[in-house]
PDB file of N, CA and C in Angstrom:
ATOM      1  N   MET A   1       0.852  -1.181   0.000  1.00  0.00           N
ATOM      2  CA  MET A   1       0.000   0.000   0.000  1.00  0.00           C
ATOM      3  C   MET A   1       0.893   1.238   0.000  1.00  0.00           C
ATOM      4  N   PRO A   2       0.605   2.194  -0.875  1.00  0.00           N
ATOM      5  CA  PRO A   2       1.446   3.393  -0.945  1.00  0.00           C
ATOM      6  C   PRO A   2       1.362   4.197   0.350  1.00  0.00           C
ATOM      7  N   ARG A   3       2.492   4.771   0.690  1.00  0.00           N
ATOM      8  CA  ARG A   3       2.509   5.617   1.879  1.00  0.00           C
ATOM      9  C   ARG A   3       1.851   6.949   1.561  1.00  0.00           C
ATOM     10  N   ARG A   4       1.416   7.596   2.613  1.00  0.00           N
ATOM     11  CA  ARG A   4       0.732   8.884   2.461  1.00  0.00           C
ATOM     12  C   ARG A   4       1.634   9.905   1.780  1.00  0.00           C
ATOM     13  N   SER A   5       2.898   9.932   2.158  1.00  0.00           N
ATOM     14  CA  SER A   5       3.820  10.914   1.565  1.00  0.00           C
ATOM     15  C   SER A   5       4.001  10.658   0.069  1.00  0.00           C
ATOM     16  N   ASP A   6       3.996   9.384  -0.343  1.00  0.00           N
ATOM     17  CA  ASP A   6       4.099   9.068  -1.775  1.00  0.00           C
ATOM     18  C   ASP A   6       2.876   9.569  -2.535  1.00  0.00           C
ATOM     19  N   LEU A   7       1.708   9.381  -1.937  1.00  0.00           N
ATOM     20  CA  LEU A   7       0.480   9.847  -2.587  1.00  0.00           C
ATOM     21  C   LEU A   7       0.469  11.366  -2.724  1.00  0.00           C
ATOM     22  N   ILE A   8       0.883  12.041  -1.661  1.00  0.00           N
ATOM     23  CA  ILE A   8       0.917  13.505  -1.705  1.00  0.00           C
ATOM     24  C   ILE A   8       1.894  13.975  -2.779  1.00  0.00           C
ATOM     25  N   ARG A   9       3.052  13.329  -2.884  1.00  0.00           N
ATOM     26  CA  ARG A   9       4.043  13.696  -3.894  1.00  0.00           C
ATOM     27  C   ARG A   9       3.462  13.510  -5.302  1.00  0.00           C
ATOM     28  N   ARG A  10       2.744  12.427  -5.513  1.00  0.00           N
ATOM     29  CA  ARG A  10       2.147  12.185  -6.829  1.00  0.00           C
ATOM     30  C   ARG A  10       1.100  13.243  -7.164  1.00  0.00           C
ATOM     31  N   ILE A  11       0.307  13.625  -6.170  1.00  0.00           N
ATOM     32  CA  ILE A  11      -0.718  14.651  -6.398  1.00  0.00           C
ATOM     33  C   ILE A  11      -0.062  15.983  -6.742  1.00  0.00           C
ATOM     34  N   VAL A  12       0.997  16.323  -6.028  1.00  0.00           N
ATOM     35  CA  VAL A  12       1.720  17.569  -6.301  1.00  0.00           C
ATOM     36  C   VAL A  12       2.325  17.527  -7.699  1.00  0.00           C
ATOM     37  N   ASP A  13       2.888  16.390  -8.083  1.00  0.00           N
ATOM     38  CA  ASP A  13       3.465  16.254  -9.430  1.00  0.00           C
ATOM     39  C   ASP A  13       2.408  16.447 -10.509  1.00  0.00           C
ATOM     40  N   VAL A  14       1.220  15.907 -10.290  1.00  0.00           N
ATOM     41  CA  VAL A  14       0.135  16.093 -11.262  1.00  0.00           C
ATOM     42  C   VAL A  14      -0.210  17.568 -11.373  1.00  0.00           C
ATOM     43  N   GLY A  15      -0.276  18.258 -10.235  1.00  0.00           N
ATOM     44  CA  GLY A  15      -0.559  19.691 -10.249  1.00  0.00           C
ATOM     45  C   GLY A  15       0.505  20.479 -10.993  1.00  0.00           C
ATOM     46  N   ARG A  16       1.755  20.114 -10.801  1.00  0.00           N
ATOM     47  CA  ARG A  16       2.840  20.808 -11.503  1.00  0.00           C
ATOM     48  C   ARG A  16       2.766  20.554 -13.004  1.00  0.00           C
ATOM     49  N   THR A  17       2.465  19.338 -13.364  1.00  0.00           N
ATOM     50  CA  THR A  17       2.345  18.993 -14.785  1.00  0.00           C
ATOM     51  C   THR A  17       1.248  19.826 -15.431  1.00  0.00           C
ATOM     52  N   ARG A  18       0.130  19.929 -14.766  1.00  0.00           N
ATOM     53  CA  ARG A  18      -0.974  20.734 -15.312  1.00  0.00           C
ATOM     54  C   ARG A  18      -0.592  22.204 -15.407  1.00  0.00           C
ATOM     55  N   ALA A  19       0.143  22.676 -14.417  1.00  0.00           N
ATOM     56  CA  ALA A  19       0.547  24.083 -14.423  1.00  0.00           C
ATOM     57  C   ALA A  19       1.478  24.382 -15.593  1.00  0.00           C
ATOM     58  N   ARG A  20       2.253  23.403 -16.021  1.00  0.00           N
ATOM     59  CA  ARG A  20       3.168  23.600 -17.144  1.00  0.00           C
ATOM     60  C   ARG A  20       2.475  23.427 -18.487  1.00  0.00           C
ATOM     61  N   GLY A  21       1.229  23.041 -18.478  1.00  0.00           N
ATOM     62  CA  GLY A  21       0.498  22.898 -19.732  1.00  0.00           C
ATOM     63  C   GLY A  21       0.763  21.592 -20.448  1.00  0.00           C
ATOM     64  N   GLU A  22       1.228  20.591 -19.739  1.00  0.00           N
ATOM     65  CA  GLU A  22       1.520  19.305 -20.362  1.00  0.00           C
ATOM     66  C   GLU A  22       0.285  18.417 -20.451  1.00  0.00           C
ATOM     67  N   THR A  23      -0.835  18.917 -20.007  1.00  0.00           N
ATOM     68  CA  THR A  23      -2.038  18.086 -20.019  1.00  0.00           C
ATOM     69  C   THR A  23      -2.501  17.783 -21.433  1.00  0.00           C
ATOM     70  N   SER A  24      -2.230  18.684 -22.376  1.00  0.00           N
ATOM     71  CA  SER A  24      -2.683  18.421 -23.740  1.00  0.00           C
ATOM     72  C   SER A  24      -2.022  17.169 -24.297  1.00  0.00           C
ATOM     73  N   ASP A  25      -0.747  16.952 -23.969  1.00  0.00           N
ATOM     74  CA  ASP A  25      -0.067  15.725 -24.390  1.00  0.00           C
ATOM     75  C   ASP A  25      -0.712  14.504 -23.746  1.00  0.00           C
ATOM     76  N   VAL A  26      -1.001  14.627 -22.463  1.00  0.00           N
ATOM     77  CA  VAL A  26      -1.626  13.519 -21.743  1.00  0.00           C
ATOM     78  C   VAL A  26      -3.011  13.248 -22.311  1.00  0.00           C
ATOM     79  N   GLN A  27      -3.778  14.309 -22.536  1.00  0.00           N
ATOM     80  CA  GLN A  27      -5.120  14.135 -23.088  1.00  0.00           C
ATOM     81  C   GLN A  27      -5.060  13.538 -24.487  1.00  0.00           C
ATOM     82  N   SER A  28      -4.089  13.949 -25.263  1.00  0.00           N
ATOM     83  CA  SER A  28      -3.927  13.404 -26.610  1.00  0.00           C
ATOM     84  C   SER A  28      -3.618  11.914 -26.547  1.00  0.00           C
ATOM     85  N   ARG A  29      -2.723  11.542 -25.647  1.00  0.00           N
ATOM     86  CA  ARG A  29      -2.403  10.122 -25.471  1.00  0.00           C
ATOM     87  C   ARG A  29      -3.615   9.349 -24.979  1.00  0.00           C
ATOM     88  N   ASP A  30      -4.376   9.962 -24.055  1.00  0.00           N
ATOM     89  CA  ASP A  30      -5.580   9.303 -23.550  1.00  0.00           C
ATOM     90  C   ASP A  30      -6.580   9.065 -24.673  1.00  0.00           C
ATOM     91  N   ARG A  31      -6.749  10.073 -25.548  1.00  0.00           N
ATOM     92  CA  ARG A  31      -7.676   9.911 -26.677  1.00  0.00           C
ATOM     93  C   ARG A  31      -7.196   8.810 -27.614  1.00  0.00           C
ATOM     94  N   THR A  32      -5.896   8.774 -27.855  1.00  0.00           N
ATOM     95  CA  THR A  32      -5.331   7.732 -28.716  1.00  0.00           C
ATOM     96  C   THR A  32      -5.523   6.363 -28.088  1.00  0.00           C
ATOM     97  N   ASP A  33      -5.259   6.277 -26.785  1.00  0.00           N
ATOM     98  CA  ASP A  33      -5.452   5.009 -26.083  1.00  0.00           C
ATOM     99  C   ASP A  33      -6.914   4.589 -26.113  1.00  0.00           C
ATOM    100  N   ALA A  34      -7.813   5.548 -25.907  1.00  0.00           N
ATOM    101  CA  ALA A  34      -9.243   5.239 -25.924  1.00  0.00           C
ATOM    102  C   ALA A  34      -9.672   4.768 -27.308  1.00  0.00           C
ATOM    103  N   ALA A  35      -9.187   5.420 -28.343  1.00  0.00           N
ATOM    104  CA  ALA A  35      -9.530   5.009 -29.709  1.00  0.00           C
ATOM    105  C   ALA A  35      -9.013   3.603 -29.988  1.00  0.00           C
ATOM    106  N   SER A  36      -7.827   3.309 -29.503  1.00  0.00           N
ATOM    107  CA  SER A  36      -7.252   1.975 -29.675  1.00  0.00           C
ATOM    108  C   SER A  36      -8.093   0.926 -28.952  1.00  0.00           C
ATOM    109  N   LEU A  37      -8.534   1.259 -27.747  1.00  0.00           N
ATOM    110  CA  LEU A  37      -9.376   0.325 -26.994  1.00  0.00           C
ATOM    111  C   LEU A  37     -10.714   0.096 -27.683  1.00  0.00           C
ATOM    112  N   VAL A  38     -11.304   1.152 -28.215  1.00  0.00           N
ATOM    113  CA  VAL A  38     -12.576   1.013 -28.927  1.00  0.00           C
ATOM    114  C   VAL A  38     -12.402   0.100 -30.135  1.00  0.00           C
ATOM    115  N   LYS A  39     -11.300   0.275 -30.850  1.00  0.00           N
ATOM    116  CA  LYS A  39     -11.025  -0.566 -32.018  1.00  0.00           C
ATOM    117  C   LYS A  39     -10.875  -2.029 -31.610  1.00  0.00           C
ATOM    118  N   ARG A  40     -10.158  -2.278 -30.527  1.00  0.00           N
ATOM    119  CA  ARG A  40      -9.981  -3.650 -30.046  1.00  0.00           C
ATOM    120  C   ARG A  40     -11.304  -4.252 -29.597  1.00  0.00           C
ATOM    121  N   ILE A  41     -12.130  -3.459 -28.914  1.00  0.00           N
ATOM    122  CA  ILE A  41     -13.432  -3.954 -28.461  1.00  0.00           C
ATOM    123  C   ILE A  41     -14.312  -4.286 -29.656  1.00  0.00           C
ATOM    124  N   ASP A  42     -14.301  -3.435 -30.678  1.00  0.00           N
ATOM    125  CA  ASP A  42     -15.069  -3.715 -31.895  1.00  0.00           C
ATOM    126  C   ASP A  42     -14.632  -5.037 -32.509  1.00  0.00           C
ATOM    127  N   HIS A  43     -13.328  -5.262 -32.562  1.00  0.00           N
ATOM    128  CA  HIS A  43     -12.807  -6.515 -33.113  1.00  0.00           C
ATOM    129  C   HIS A  43     -13.270  -7.705 -32.269  1.00  0.00           C
ATOM    130  N   LEU A  44     -13.173  -7.580 -30.948  1.00  0.00           N
ATOM    131  CA  LEU A  44     -13.593  -8.670 -30.071  1.00  0.00           C
ATOM    132  C   LEU A  44     -15.083  -8.955 -30.206  1.00  0.00           C
ATOM    133  N   GLU A  45     -15.896  -7.914 -30.361  1.00  0.00           N
ATOM    134  CA  GLU A  45     -17.332  -8.114 -30.562  1.00  0.00           C
ATOM    135  C   GLU A  45     -17.588  -8.893 -31.844  1.00  0.00           C
ATOM    136  N   ALA A  46     -16.853  -8.578 -32.896  1.00  0.00           N
ATOM    137  CA  ALA A  46     -17.007  -9.300 -34.162  1.00  0.00           C
ATOM    138  C   ALA A  46     -16.603 -10.762 -33.999  1.00  0.00           C
ATOM    139  N   VAL A  47     -15.538 -11.010 -33.253  1.00  0.00           N
ATOM    140  CA  VAL A  47     -15.096 -12.384 -33.016  1.00  0.00           C
ATOM    141  C   VAL A  47     -16.153 -13.156 -32.231  1.00  0.00           C
ATOM    142  N   VAL A  48     -16.706 -12.536 -31.202  1.00  0.00           N
ATOM    143  CA  VAL A  48     -17.731 -13.194 -30.390  1.00  0.00           C
ATOM    144  C   VAL A  48     -18.972 -13.484 -31.230  1.00  0.00           C
ATOM    145  N   GLU A  49     -19.379 -12.536 -32.066  1.00  0.00           N
ATOM    146  CA  GLU A  49     -20.538 -12.767 -32.936  1.00  0.00           C
ATOM    147  C   GLU A  49     -20.277 -13.928 -33.884  1.00  0.00           C
ATOM    148  N   GLY A  50     -19.083 -14.005 -34.435  1.00  0.00           N
ATOM    149  CA  GLY A  50     -18.726 -15.119 -35.308  1.00  0.00           C
ATOM    150  C   GLY A  50     -18.770 -16.442 -34.564  1.00  0.00           C
ATOM    151  N   LEU A  51     -18.278 -16.446 -33.347  1.00  0.00           N
ATOM    152  CA  LEU A  51     -18.309 -17.656 -32.530  1.00  0.00           C
ATOM    153  C   LEU A  51     -19.746 -18.067 -32.223  1.00  0.00           C
ATOM    154  N   GLN A  52     -20.591 -17.103 -31.883  1.00  0.00           N
ATOM    155  CA  GLN A  52     -21.996 -17.406 -31.618  1.00  0.00           C
ATOM    156  C   GLN A  52     -22.659 -18.016 -32.846  1.00  0.00           C
ATOM    157  N   ASP A  53     -22.389 -17.458 -34.014  1.00  0.00           N
ATOM    158  CA  ASP A  53     -22.956 -17.997 -35.254  1.00  0.00           C
ATOM    159  C   ASP A  53     -22.482 -19.426 -35.489  1.00  0.00           C
ATOM    160  N   ALA A  54     -21.203 -19.675 -35.277  1.00  0.00           N
ATOM    161  CA  ALA A  54     -20.651 -21.015 -35.486  1.00  0.00           C
ATOM    162  C   ALA A  54     -21.266 -22.023 -34.519  1.00  0.00           C
ATOM    163  N   VAL A  55     -21.420 -21.632 -33.273  1.00  0.00           N
ATOM    164  CA  VAL A  55     -22.033 -22.522 -32.281  1.00  0.00           C
ATOM    165  C   VAL A  55     -23.486 -22.797 -32.655  1.00  0.00           C
ATOM    166  N   TYR A  56     -24.202 -21.777 -33.098  1.00  0.00           N
ATOM    167  CA  TYR A  56     -25.596 -21.954 -33.506  1.00  0.00           C
ATOM    168  C   TYR A  56     -25.694 -22.933 -34.677  1.00  0.00           C
ATOM    169  N   ARG A  57     -24.854 -22.742 -35.690  1.00  0.00           N
ATOM    170  CA  ARG A  57     -24.879 -23.640 -36.858  1.00  0.00           C
ATOM    171  C   ARG A  57     -24.549 -25.073 -36.458  1.00  0.00           C
ATOM    172  N   GLN A  58     -23.553 -25.249 -35.606  1.00  0.00           N
ATOM    173  CA  GLN A  58     -23.177 -26.592 -35.158  1.00  0.00           C
ATOM    174  C   GLN A  58     -24.306 -27.230 -34.349  1.00  0.00           C
ATOM    175  N   THR A  59     -24.967 -26.457 -33.522  1.00  0.00           N
ATOM    176  CA  THR A  59     -26.084 -26.973 -32.733  1.00  0.00           C
ATOM    177  C   THR A  59     -27.219 -27.418 -33.640  1.00  0.00           C
ATOM    178  N   LYS A  60     -27.512 -26.619 -34.669  1.00  0.00           N
ATOM    179  CA  LYS A  60     -28.564 -27.009 -35.625  1.00  0.00           C
ATOM    180  C   LYS A  60     -28.201 -28.317 -36.322  1.00  0.00           C
ATOM    181  N   ARG A  61     -26.958 -28.453 -36.768  1.00  0.00           N
ATOM    182  CA  ARG A  61     -26.527 -29.696 -37.425  1.00  0.00           C
ATOM    183  C   ARG A  61     -26.642 -30.879 -36.469  1.00  0.00           C
ATOM    184  N   HIS A  62     -26.245 -30.659 -35.229  1.00  0.00           N
ATOM    185  CA  HIS A  62     -26.310 -31.714 -34.222  1.00  0.00           C
ATOM    186  C   HIS A  62     -27.762 -32.118 -33.974  1.00  0.00           C
ATOM    187  N   ASP A  63     -28.643 -31.152 -33.828  1.00  0.00           N
ATOM    188  CA  ASP A  63     -30.066 -31.444 -33.618  1.00  0.00           C
ATOM    189  C   ASP A  63     -30.657 -32.201 -34.801  1.00  0.00           C
ATOM    190  N   GLU A  64     -30.299 -31.788 -36.023  1.00  0.00           N
ATOM    191  CA  GLU A  64     -30.805 -32.471 -37.216  1.00  0.00           C
ATOM    192  C   GLU A  64     -30.313 -33.912 -37.261  1.00  0.00           C
ATOM    193  N   ARG A  65     -29.060 -34.128 -36.910  1.00  0.00           N
ATOM    194  CA  ARG A  65     -28.501 -35.486 -36.910  1.00  0.00           C
ATOM    195  C   ARG A  65     -29.192 -36.350 -35.864  1.00  0.00           C
ATOM    196  N   LEU A  66     -29.447 -35.801 -34.687  1.00  0.00           N
ATOM    197  CA  LEU A  66     -30.159 -36.550 -33.654  1.00  0.00           C
ATOM    198  C   LEU A  66     -31.570 -36.904 -34.111  1.00  0.00           C
ATOM    199  N   ALA A  67     -32.238 -35.959 -34.767  1.00  0.00           N
ATOM    200  CA  ALA A  67     -33.589 -36.223 -35.273  1.00  0.00           C
ATOM    201  C   ALA A  67     -33.550 -37.344 -36.305  1.00  0.00           C
ATOM    202  N   GLU A  68     -32.554 -37.341 -37.183  1.00  0.00           N
ATOM    203  CA  GLU A  68     -32.416 -38.417 -38.178  1.00  0.00           C
ATOM    204  C   GLU A  68     -32.198 -39.765 -37.499  1.00  0.00           C
ATOM    205  N   LEU A  69     -31.353 -39.795 -36.496  1.00  0.00           N
ATOM    206  CA  LEU A  69     -31.077 -41.047 -35.791  1.00  0.00           C
ATOM    207  C   LEU A  69     -32.314 -41.559 -35.061  1.00  0.00           C
ATOM    208  N   LEU A  70     -33.051 -40.657 -34.427  1.00  0.00           N
ATOM    209  CA  LEU A  70     -34.277 -41.067 -33.739  1.00  0.00           C
ATOM    210  C   LEU A  70     -35.300 -41.595 -34.729  1.00  0.00           C
ATOM    211  N   ASP A  71     -35.435 -40.925 -35.863  1.00  0.00           N
ATOM    212  CA  ASP A  71     -36.379 -41.358 -36.892  1.00  0.00           C
ATOM    213  C   ASP A  71     -35.979 -42.733 -37.427  1.00  0.00           C
ATOM    214  N   ALA A  72     -34.706 -42.927 -37.669  1.00  0.00           N
ATOM    215  CA  ALA A  72     -34.220 -44.213 -38.182  1.00  0.00           C
ATOM    216  C   ALA A  72     -34.443 -45.320 -37.162  1.00  0.00           C
ATOM    217  N   SER A  73     -34.240 -45.024 -35.891  1.00  0.00           N
ATOM    218  CA  SER A  73     -34.435 -46.059 -34.870  1.00  0.00           C
ATOM    219  C   SER A  73     -35.911 -46.407 -34.714  1.00  0.00           C
ATOM    220  N   LYS A  74     -36.798 -45.434 -34.879  1.00  0.00           N
ATOM    221  CA  LYS A  74     -38.240 -45.705 -34.803  1.00  0.00           C
ATOM    222  C   LYS A  74     -38.666 -46.595 -35.961  1.00  0.00           C
ATOM    223  N   ARG A  75     -38.116 -46.352 -37.147  1.00  0.00           N
ATOM    224  CA  ARG A  75     -38.472 -47.155 -38.320  1.00  0.00           C
ATOM    225  C   ARG A  75     -37.947 -48.582 -38.191  1.00  0.00           C
ATOM    226  N   SER A  76     -36.789 -48.738 -37.598  1.00  0.00           N
ATOM    227  CA  SER A  76     -36.223 -50.084 -37.484  1.00  0.00           C
ATOM    228  C   SER A  76     -36.950 -50.908 -36.428  1.00  0.00           C
ATOM    229  N   VAL A  77     -37.553 -50.262 -35.433  1.00  0.00           N
ATOM    230  CA  VAL A  77     -38.306 -50.963 -34.395  1.00  0.00           C
ATOM    231  C   VAL A  77     -39.677 -51.354 -34.929  1.00  0.00           C
ATOM    232  N   ALA A  78     -40.255 -50.543 -35.772  1.00  0.00           N
ATOM    233  CA  ALA A  78     -41.614 -50.795 -36.268  1.00  0.00           C
ATOM    234  C   ALA A  78     -41.680 -51.875 -37.269  1.00  0.00           C
TER     235      ALA A  78
END
């Protein structure tokens, strides 16, 4: 856990940085980082949607195969 004096020093450093006008660089980096994160999230959403579609298609094939097997077993018993 950070000591109180370390926290105070960090707060003072942030204040000094803002006083020097360096926040625009930080804000620019934050915007770039945020844009990068949004792009990654969009990609992950597309991957998840693709996975959901694949699972759905496989489930349908599996259900159809089970129905065929049940139908075939009913015919062989009759």
